[in-house]
Amino acid sequence: MEIWVNPACSKCRSALSILDAEAVGYTVRRYLDDPPSEAEIRSVLERLGLEPWDITRTGESTAKELGLADWPREPDHRDRWIAALAQHPILIQRPIITADDGTAVVGRTEEAVRSILPPA
């Protein structure tokens, strides 16, 4: 299991606490220091069943600078969104947890984090 975190994020710290409490083995990726490639973002999106605009933090100042609010949210523009996420990882929603079984979640709630835990 891998979890993409920003240590300054309370949702990330909460997710890590749940994983620790459940004694789940995981690897931490500080995605701001070790940004995912476009290929990694594509893979995570496929596992999440989401589009890049679904995991974009549109409230970030970088999003405003890029004018993301005006970008089309259509398949023809998917590559542009993915490139922006790779170039500006601060825009990626967090935490993202990928499990060894191929599933993934955006772990912003306790329920989401628990949904990816292996069966007891």
N, C-alpha and C. Protein backbone atom coordinates (compact mmCIF):
# COMPACT_ATOMS: atom_id res chain seq x y z
N MET A 1 0.86 -1.17 0.00
CA MET A 1 0.00 0.00 0.00
C MET A 1 0.91 1.23 0.00
N GLU A 2 0.50 2.23 -0.79
CA GLU A 2 1.23 3.49 -0.82
C GLU A 2 0.25 4.63 -0.58
N ILE A 3 0.70 5.65 0.14
CA ILE A 3 -0.14 6.81 0.41
C ILE A 3 0.63 8.06 0.01
N TRP A 4 0.00 8.87 -0.85
CA TRP A 4 0.58 10.15 -1.26
C TRP A 4 0.13 11.19 -0.26
N VAL A 5 1.09 11.82 0.41
CA VAL A 5 0.76 12.77 1.46
C VAL A 5 1.51 14.09 1.32
N ASN A 6 0.91 15.09 1.93
CA ASN A 6 1.55 16.36 2.23
C ASN A 6 1.54 16.42 3.75
N PRO A 7 2.71 16.39 4.39
CA PRO A 7 2.74 16.34 5.85
C PRO A 7 2.01 17.50 6.53
N ALA A 8 1.83 18.61 5.83
CA ALA A 8 1.12 19.76 6.41
C ALA A 8 -0.39 19.60 6.38
N CYS A 9 -0.87 18.54 5.74
CA CYS A 9 -2.31 18.33 5.54
C CYS A 9 -2.92 17.51 6.68
N SER A 10 -3.95 18.05 7.31
CA SER A 10 -4.59 17.34 8.42
C SER A 10 -5.28 16.06 7.95
N LYS A 11 -5.84 16.06 6.74
CA LYS A 11 -6.50 14.85 6.22
C LYS A 11 -5.47 13.74 6.02
N CYS A 12 -4.26 14.11 5.58
CA CYS A 12 -3.20 13.13 5.40
C CYS A 12 -2.78 12.55 6.75
N ARG A 13 -2.60 13.40 7.72
CA ARG A 13 -2.21 12.93 9.06
C ARG A 13 -3.28 12.03 9.65
N SER A 14 -4.54 12.36 9.42
CA SER A 14 -5.64 11.53 9.90
C SER A 14 -5.61 10.16 9.24
N ALA A 15 -5.39 10.13 7.93
CA ALA A 15 -5.33 8.85 7.20
C ALA A 15 -4.17 8.00 7.71
N LEU A 16 -3.03 8.63 7.94
CA LEU A 16 -1.88 7.89 8.46
C LEU A 16 -2.18 7.32 9.85
N SER A 17 -2.89 8.08 10.67
CA SER A 17 -3.25 7.60 12.00
C SER A 17 -4.14 6.37 11.92
N ILE A 18 -5.08 6.37 10.99
CA ILE A 18 -5.97 5.21 10.83
C ILE A 18 -5.16 4.00 10.38
N LEU A 19 -4.29 4.19 9.40
CA LEU A 19 -3.46 3.08 8.91
C LEU A 19 -2.58 2.53 10.03
N ASP A 20 -2.00 3.44 10.82
CA ASP A 20 -1.17 3.00 11.94
C ASP A 20 -1.99 2.24 12.98
N ALA A 21 -3.16 2.75 13.30
CA ALA A 21 -4.01 2.11 14.30
C ALA A 21 -4.43 0.71 13.87
N GLU A 22 -4.59 0.54 12.56
CA GLU A 22 -4.99 -0.76 12.02
C GLU A 22 -3.79 -1.65 11.71
N ALA A 23 -2.58 -1.15 11.99
CA ALA A 23 -1.33 -1.88 11.75
C ALA A 23 -1.20 -2.35 10.31
N VAL A 24 -1.56 -1.46 9.40
CA VAL A 24 -1.45 -1.76 7.97
C VAL A 24 -0.07 -1.30 7.49
N GLY A 25 0.59 -2.15 6.74
CA GLY A 25 1.87 -1.77 6.17
C GLY A 25 1.66 -0.84 4.98
N TYR A 26 2.45 0.22 4.92
CA TYR A 26 2.32 1.17 3.82
C TYR A 26 3.63 1.91 3.61
N THR A 27 3.74 2.52 2.45
CA THR A 27 4.87 3.37 2.09
C THR A 27 4.33 4.78 1.93
N VAL A 28 5.03 5.74 2.52
CA VAL A 28 4.63 7.14 2.38
C VAL A 28 5.37 7.76 1.19
N ARG A 29 4.62 8.44 0.38
CA ARG A 29 5.22 9.22 -0.72
C ARG A 29 4.85 10.68 -0.50
N ARG A 30 5.84 11.47 -0.22
CA ARG A 30 5.63 12.91 -0.11
C ARG A 30 5.61 13.46 -1.52
N TYR A 31 4.44 13.50 -2.08
CA TYR A 31 4.31 13.76 -3.51
C TYR A 31 4.72 15.17 -3.93
N LEU A 32 4.85 16.09 -3.00
CA LEU A 32 5.37 17.41 -3.36
C LEU A 32 6.88 17.35 -3.56
N ASP A 33 7.55 16.48 -2.80
CA ASP A 33 9.00 16.30 -2.92
C ASP A 33 9.36 15.29 -4.01
N ASP A 34 8.47 14.36 -4.26
CA ASP A 34 8.68 13.29 -5.24
C ASP A 34 7.43 13.22 -6.13
N PRO A 35 7.28 14.22 -7.02
CA PRO A 35 6.05 14.31 -7.81
C PRO A 35 5.83 13.10 -8.72
N PRO A 36 4.59 12.66 -8.82
CA PRO A 36 4.28 11.56 -9.74
C PRO A 36 4.41 12.01 -11.18
N SER A 37 4.81 11.08 -12.03
CA SER A 37 4.90 11.35 -13.47
C SER A 37 3.49 11.34 -14.07
N GLU A 38 3.40 11.77 -15.31
CA GLU A 38 2.11 11.71 -15.99
C GLU A 38 1.62 10.28 -16.06
N ALA A 39 2.53 9.33 -16.30
CA ALA A 39 2.13 7.91 -16.37
C ALA A 39 1.59 7.43 -15.03
N GLU A 40 2.22 7.85 -13.94
CA GLU A 40 1.74 7.45 -12.61
C GLU A 40 0.38 8.05 -12.32
N ILE A 41 0.18 9.30 -12.72
CA ILE A 41 -1.12 9.94 -12.52
C ILE A 41 -2.19 9.21 -13.32
N ARG A 42 -1.88 8.85 -14.56
CA ARG A 42 -2.83 8.09 -15.39
C ARG A 42 -3.21 6.77 -14.71
N SER A 43 -2.21 6.08 -14.19
CA SER A 43 -2.44 4.80 -13.53
C SER A 43 -3.33 4.98 -12.30
N VAL A 44 -3.04 5.98 -11.49
CA VAL A 44 -3.85 6.23 -10.30
C VAL A 44 -5.28 6.61 -10.69
N LEU A 45 -5.42 7.43 -11.71
CA LEU A 45 -6.77 7.81 -12.16
C LEU A 45 -7.57 6.58 -12.60
N GLU A 46 -6.89 5.68 -13.30
CA GLU A 46 -7.57 4.45 -13.74
C GLU A 46 -8.00 3.63 -12.52
N ARG A 47 -7.12 3.52 -11.54
CA ARG A 47 -7.45 2.76 -10.33
C ARG A 47 -8.57 3.42 -9.54
N LEU A 48 -8.59 4.76 -9.54
CA LEU A 48 -9.63 5.49 -8.82
C LEU A 48 -10.96 5.51 -9.58
N GLY A 49 -10.88 5.33 -10.91
CA GLY A 49 -12.08 5.45 -11.73
C GLY A 49 -12.52 6.90 -11.85
N LEU A 50 -11.55 7.82 -11.81
CA LEU A 50 -11.85 9.25 -11.86
C LEU A 50 -11.13 9.93 -13.01
N GLU A 51 -11.50 11.15 -13.27
CA GLU A 51 -10.85 11.99 -14.27
C GLU A 51 -9.90 12.95 -13.56
N PRO A 52 -8.93 13.52 -14.27
CA PRO A 52 -7.96 14.39 -13.60
C PRO A 52 -8.59 15.59 -12.91
N TRP A 53 -9.65 16.14 -13.48
CA TRP A 53 -10.31 17.28 -12.84
C TRP A 53 -10.99 16.89 -11.54
N ASP A 54 -11.27 15.58 -11.37
CA ASP A 54 -11.90 15.10 -10.14
C ASP A 54 -10.93 15.09 -8.96
N ILE A 55 -9.62 15.04 -9.25
CA ILE A 55 -8.63 15.02 -8.17
C ILE A 55 -7.79 16.30 -8.15
N THR A 56 -8.31 17.35 -8.75
CA THR A 56 -7.59 18.62 -8.80
C THR A 56 -8.10 19.56 -7.71
N ARG A 57 -7.15 20.12 -6.99
CA ARG A 57 -7.47 21.09 -5.94
C ARG A 57 -7.62 22.45 -6.60
N THR A 58 -8.82 22.74 -7.03
CA THR A 58 -9.07 23.96 -7.81
C THR A 58 -9.02 25.24 -6.96
N GLY A 59 -9.00 25.10 -5.65
CA GLY A 59 -8.93 26.27 -4.79
C GLY A 59 -7.51 26.78 -4.55
N GLU A 60 -6.52 26.01 -5.00
CA GLU A 60 -5.12 26.41 -4.83
C GLU A 60 -4.81 27.65 -5.67
N SER A 61 -3.91 28.47 -5.19
CA SER A 61 -3.53 29.68 -5.94
C SER A 61 -2.95 29.31 -7.31
N THR A 62 -2.24 28.20 -7.40
CA THR A 62 -1.69 27.75 -8.69
C THR A 62 -2.82 27.46 -9.67
N ALA A 63 -3.90 26.89 -9.19
CA ALA A 63 -5.06 26.60 -10.06
C ALA A 63 -5.64 27.90 -10.60
N LYS A 64 -5.71 28.89 -9.75
CA LYS A 64 -6.22 30.20 -10.18
C LYS A 64 -5.28 30.83 -11.20
N GLU A 65 -3.96 30.74 -10.96
CA GLU A 65 -2.97 31.29 -11.89
C GLU A 65 -3.07 30.63 -13.26
N LEU A 66 -3.32 29.33 -13.27
CA LEU A 66 -3.43 28.58 -14.53
C LEU A 66 -4.80 28.77 -15.19
N GLY A 67 -5.75 29.30 -14.44
CA GLY A 67 -7.10 29.47 -14.98
C GLY A 67 -7.85 28.15 -15.12
N LEU A 68 -7.59 27.19 -14.23
CA LEU A 68 -8.20 25.86 -14.34
C LEU A 68 -9.73 25.89 -14.32
N ALA A 69 -10.29 26.87 -13.67
CA ALA A 69 -11.76 26.95 -13.61
C ALA A 69 -12.37 27.06 -15.01
N ASP A 70 -11.58 27.58 -15.95
CA ASP A 70 -12.08 27.76 -17.32
C ASP A 70 -11.68 26.63 -18.27
N TRP A 71 -10.89 25.67 -17.78
CA TRP A 71 -10.47 24.57 -18.65
C TRP A 71 -11.64 23.61 -18.87
N PRO A 72 -11.82 23.17 -20.11
CA PRO A 72 -12.89 22.19 -20.38
C PRO A 72 -12.63 20.88 -19.64
N ARG A 73 -13.71 20.30 -19.16
CA ARG A 73 -13.62 19.01 -18.47
C ARG A 73 -14.19 17.95 -19.40
N GLU A 74 -13.42 17.70 -20.46
CA GLU A 74 -13.83 16.77 -21.51
C GLU A 74 -12.65 15.88 -21.86
N PRO A 75 -12.93 14.68 -22.39
CA PRO A 75 -11.86 13.74 -22.72
C PRO A 75 -10.75 14.34 -23.60
N ASP A 76 -11.10 15.21 -24.53
CA ASP A 76 -10.08 15.80 -25.40
C ASP A 76 -9.08 16.67 -24.64
N HIS A 77 -9.41 17.07 -23.43
CA HIS A 77 -8.55 17.95 -22.64
C HIS A 77 -7.90 17.23 -21.45
N ARG A 78 -8.10 15.93 -21.38
CA ARG A 78 -7.58 15.12 -20.27
C ARG A 78 -6.06 15.23 -20.15
N ASP A 79 -5.35 15.16 -21.28
CA ASP A 79 -3.89 15.21 -21.25
C ASP A 79 -3.38 16.54 -20.68
N ARG A 80 -4.06 17.60 -21.00
CA ARG A 80 -3.68 18.93 -20.48
C ARG A 80 -3.80 18.96 -18.96
N TRP A 81 -4.88 18.40 -18.43
CA TRP A 81 -5.08 18.34 -16.99
C TRP A 81 -4.01 17.49 -16.32
N ILE A 82 -3.72 16.33 -16.91
CA ILE A 82 -2.72 15.43 -16.34
C ILE A 82 -1.34 16.09 -16.34
N ALA A 83 -1.01 16.78 -17.41
CA ALA A 83 0.27 17.49 -17.48
C ALA A 83 0.35 18.56 -16.39
N ALA A 84 -0.75 19.26 -16.16
CA ALA A 84 -0.76 20.29 -15.10
C ALA A 84 -0.54 19.67 -13.73
N LEU A 85 -1.17 18.52 -13.47
CA LEU A 85 -0.99 17.85 -12.18
C LEU A 85 0.45 17.39 -12.00
N ALA A 86 1.06 16.89 -13.06
CA ALA A 86 2.45 16.43 -12.98
C ALA A 86 3.40 17.61 -12.78
N GLN A 87 3.13 18.72 -13.43
CA GLN A 87 4.00 19.89 -13.32
C GLN A 87 3.78 20.66 -12.02
N HIS A 88 2.58 20.58 -11.48
CA HIS A 88 2.22 21.31 -10.27
C HIS A 88 1.55 20.35 -9.28
N PRO A 89 2.34 19.49 -8.63
CA PRO A 89 1.73 18.46 -7.76
C PRO A 89 0.91 19.02 -6.60
N ILE A 90 1.09 20.28 -6.25
CA ILE A 90 0.28 20.90 -5.20
C ILE A 90 -1.20 20.84 -5.57
N LEU A 91 -1.49 20.67 -6.86
CA LEU A 91 -2.87 20.62 -7.34
C LEU A 91 -3.54 19.27 -7.11
N ILE A 92 -2.75 18.25 -6.76
CA ILE A 92 -3.31 16.90 -6.59
C ILE A 92 -4.01 16.78 -5.24
N GLN A 93 -5.25 16.32 -5.29
CA GLN A 93 -6.02 16.08 -4.06
C GLN A 93 -5.29 15.06 -3.20
N ARG A 94 -5.42 15.16 -1.92
CA ARG A 94 -4.70 14.30 -1.00
C ARG A 94 -5.57 13.90 0.17
N PRO A 95 -5.21 12.82 0.81
CA PRO A 95 -4.23 11.81 0.43
C PRO A 95 -4.81 10.82 -0.58
N ILE A 96 -3.97 10.30 -1.42
CA ILE A 96 -4.38 9.22 -2.32
C ILE A 96 -3.71 7.95 -1.83
N ILE A 97 -4.52 6.93 -1.64
CA ILE A 97 -4.02 5.66 -1.14
C ILE A 97 -4.24 4.60 -2.22
N THR A 98 -3.15 3.91 -2.57
CA THR A 98 -3.24 2.82 -3.54
C THR A 98 -2.92 1.52 -2.81
N ALA A 99 -3.80 0.55 -2.97
CA ALA A 99 -3.64 -0.74 -2.30
C ALA A 99 -2.98 -1.75 -3.23
N ASP A 100 -2.41 -2.76 -2.62
CA ASP A 100 -1.72 -3.80 -3.38
C ASP A 100 -2.66 -4.58 -4.29
N ASP A 101 -3.96 -4.57 -3.98
CA ASP A 101 -4.92 -5.33 -4.81
C ASP A 101 -5.39 -4.55 -6.04
N GLY A 102 -4.82 -3.34 -6.24
CA GLY A 102 -5.17 -2.56 -7.42
C GLY A 102 -6.21 -1.48 -7.17
N THR A 103 -6.81 -1.47 -5.99
CA THR A 103 -7.80 -0.45 -5.69
C THR A 103 -7.09 0.82 -5.21
N ALA A 104 -7.84 1.91 -5.21
CA ALA A 104 -7.31 3.19 -4.75
C ALA A 104 -8.46 4.06 -4.27
N VAL A 105 -8.15 4.98 -3.37
CA VAL A 105 -9.15 5.94 -2.88
C VAL A 105 -8.46 7.28 -2.63
N VAL A 106 -9.27 8.32 -2.69
CA VAL A 106 -8.86 9.61 -2.17
C VAL A 106 -9.34 9.58 -0.72
N GLY A 107 -8.39 9.48 0.21
CA GLY A 107 -8.72 9.21 1.60
C GLY A 107 -9.00 10.44 2.44
N ARG A 108 -9.96 11.24 2.04
CA ARG A 108 -10.27 12.47 2.78
C ARG A 108 -11.20 12.25 3.96
N THR A 109 -11.82 11.06 4.02
CA THR A 109 -12.68 10.75 5.15
C THR A 109 -12.24 9.43 5.78
N GLU A 110 -12.63 9.23 7.02
CA GLU A 110 -12.31 7.97 7.68
C GLU A 110 -12.92 6.80 6.92
N GLU A 111 -14.14 6.97 6.43
CA GLU A 111 -14.82 5.90 5.69
C GLU A 111 -14.03 5.53 4.43
N ALA A 112 -13.53 6.53 3.72
CA ALA A 112 -12.75 6.26 2.50
C ALA A 112 -11.49 5.49 2.83
N VAL A 113 -10.78 5.91 3.87
CA VAL A 113 -9.56 5.21 4.27
C VAL A 113 -9.87 3.78 4.67
N ARG A 114 -10.90 3.59 5.47
CA ARG A 114 -11.25 2.24 5.93
C ARG A 114 -11.71 1.35 4.78
N SER A 115 -12.27 1.96 3.72
CA SER A 115 -12.75 1.16 2.59
C SER A 115 -11.63 0.46 1.85
N ILE A 116 -10.41 0.90 2.02
CA ILE A 116 -9.29 0.30 1.29
C ILE A 116 -8.47 -0.65 2.16
N LEU A 117 -8.83 -0.73 3.41
CA LEU A 117 -8.10 -1.63 4.30
C LEU A 117 -8.32 -3.09 3.91
N PRO A 118 -7.28 -3.91 4.03
CA PRO A 118 -7.47 -5.33 3.72
C PRO A 118 -8.44 -5.97 4.71
N PRO A 119 -9.13 -7.03 4.30
CA PRO A 119 -10.07 -7.69 5.20
C PRO A 119 -9.33 -8.20 6.45
N ALA A 120 -10.02 -8.16 7.56
CA ALA A 120 -9.39 -8.59 8.84
C ALA A 120 -9.18 -10.09 8.87
